[in-house]
Amino acid sequence: MPKPSRTSRPARYRLTTAALTGTAALTLTGCSGFDFRENICRSSEYPVLAVGSTGSGCVPNDEEPMPGYTRYPEGKVPQHVDDKWDVYWRTHTLDKSGNIIKAPDTE
């Protein structure tokens, strides 16, 4: 009687190893479906906009904005780099009266 073939076992082992290695690589490279988004400010800060330009900054939660800066209008505050409001405020700003205007340095 012939011995059972052992070639199928190593092939299956190689396939499993390749699948696990591929899964690990996807997880480590960020291609696993998780979306990392960089925050605009740290959790102890809030973002502020330079009046009359597209400059911005972060201010500690317990402080008021520095002169020449103001809080973003409610509901239009960028939270993450490249989110809807971060992109919007690259071409818009607030004038001294708090009105949203096209940023002068983008015209």
Protein backbone atom coordinates (compact mmCIF):
# COMPACT_ATOMS: atom_id res chain seq x y z
CA MET A 1 0.00 0.00 0.00
CA PRO A 2 1.43 3.44 -0.95
CA LYS A 3 2.17 6.03 1.71
CA PRO A 4 -0.21 8.99 1.90
CA SER A 5 1.08 12.05 0.11
CA ARG A 6 2.34 14.82 2.34
CA THR A 7 2.48 17.45 -0.38
CA SER A 8 -1.03 18.71 0.35
CA ARG A 9 -0.27 19.48 3.98
CA PRO A 10 2.65 21.86 3.36
CA ALA A 11 0.66 23.53 0.54
CA ARG A 12 -2.26 24.15 2.89
CA TYR A 13 0.17 25.40 5.53
CA ARG A 14 1.77 27.81 3.04
CA LEU A 15 -1.66 29.09 1.99
CA THR A 16 -2.68 29.71 5.60
CA THR A 17 0.63 31.39 6.38
CA ALA A 18 0.31 33.62 3.31
CA ALA A 19 -3.24 34.59 4.26
CA LEU A 20 -2.22 35.48 7.82
CA THR A 21 0.82 37.41 6.63
CA GLY A 22 -1.33 39.37 4.18
CA THR A 23 -3.85 40.19 6.88
CA ALA A 24 -1.08 41.39 9.20
CA ALA A 25 0.40 43.55 6.44
CA LEU A 26 -2.96 45.15 5.73
CA THR A 27 -3.48 45.89 9.40
CA LEU A 28 -0.03 47.39 9.86
CA THR A 29 -0.18 49.55 6.72
CA GLY A 30 -3.57 51.04 7.50
CA CYS A 31 -5.34 49.35 4.60
CA SER A 32 -7.58 47.33 6.87
CA GLY A 33 -10.57 49.65 6.58
CA PHE A 34 -9.75 51.76 9.60
CA ASP A 35 -9.60 55.47 8.91
CA PHE A 36 -7.04 57.48 10.88
CA ARG A 37 -7.90 61.17 10.97
CA GLU A 38 -5.54 63.71 12.50
CA ASN A 39 -7.22 66.14 14.88
CA ILE A 40 -6.91 69.88 14.23
CA CYS A 41 -6.16 70.53 17.92
CA ARG A 42 -5.42 68.49 21.02
CA SER A 43 -8.37 67.47 23.21
CA SER A 44 -7.53 70.25 25.71
CA GLU A 45 -7.68 72.93 22.98
CA TYR A 46 -10.09 74.43 20.45
CA PRO A 47 -9.34 75.79 16.97
CA VAL A 48 -9.36 79.53 16.18
CA LEU A 49 -9.25 81.46 12.90
CA ALA A 50 -7.19 84.54 12.11
CA VAL A 51 -9.49 87.46 11.28
CA GLY A 52 -9.04 88.53 7.67
CA SER A 53 -6.83 85.63 6.59
CA THR A 54 -6.72 81.85 6.45
CA GLY A 55 -4.34 81.54 9.40
CA SER A 56 -5.44 79.37 12.27
CA GLY A 57 -4.29 78.13 15.63
CA CYS A 58 -5.27 76.26 18.76
CA VAL A 59 -6.07 77.81 22.13
CA PRO A 60 -6.37 76.07 25.53
CA ASN A 61 -10.03 75.40 26.39
CA ASP A 62 -9.89 77.71 29.43
CA GLU A 63 -8.51 80.73 27.50
CA GLU A 64 -9.90 83.27 25.05
CA PRO A 65 -8.40 83.60 21.55
CA MET A 66 -5.32 85.80 21.22
CA PRO A 67 -5.75 89.26 19.59
CA GLY A 68 -6.42 88.99 15.85
CA TYR A 69 -8.02 85.54 16.18
CA THR A 70 -11.59 84.47 16.80
CA ARG A 71 -13.59 81.31 17.32
CA TYR A 72 -15.04 79.63 14.23
CA PRO A 73 -18.77 80.14 13.70
CA GLU A 74 -20.88 77.52 15.46
CA GLY A 75 -21.39 74.43 13.31
CA LYS A 76 -18.48 75.36 11.01
CA VAL A 77 -15.58 74.31 13.21
CA PRO A 78 -12.93 72.05 11.66
CA GLN A 79 -12.30 68.96 13.77
CA HIS A 80 -9.90 66.91 11.61
CA VAL A 81 -7.26 67.74 9.01
CA ASP A 82 -8.89 67.80 5.55
CA ASP A 83 -12.45 67.52 6.85
CA LYS A 84 -15.22 69.60 5.22
CA TRP A 85 -14.64 72.70 7.35
CA ASP A 86 -10.84 72.51 7.30
CA VAL A 87 -10.95 72.58 3.48
CA TYR A 88 -13.61 75.34 3.45
CA TRP A 89 -11.63 77.68 5.72
CA ARG A 90 -8.60 77.47 3.43
CA THR A 91 -10.41 79.84 1.05
CA HIS A 92 -12.72 81.69 3.45
CA THR A 93 -12.28 83.75 6.58
CA LEU A 94 -14.13 86.14 8.87
CA ASP A 95 -14.00 89.91 8.63
CA LYS A 96 -13.81 92.19 11.69
CA SER A 97 -17.63 92.12 11.97
CA GLY A 98 -17.74 88.30 12.02
CA ASN A 99 -19.08 87.95 8.47
CA ILE A 100 -17.80 85.06 6.34
CA ILE A 101 -15.88 86.39 3.34
CA LYS A 102 -13.67 84.99 0.58
CA ALA A 103 -10.12 85.04 1.95
CA PRO A 104 -8.10 87.86 0.35
CA ASP A 105 -5.00 85.71 -0.07
CA THR A 106 -6.93 83.17 -2.22
CA GLU A 107 -8.45 85.55 -4.77
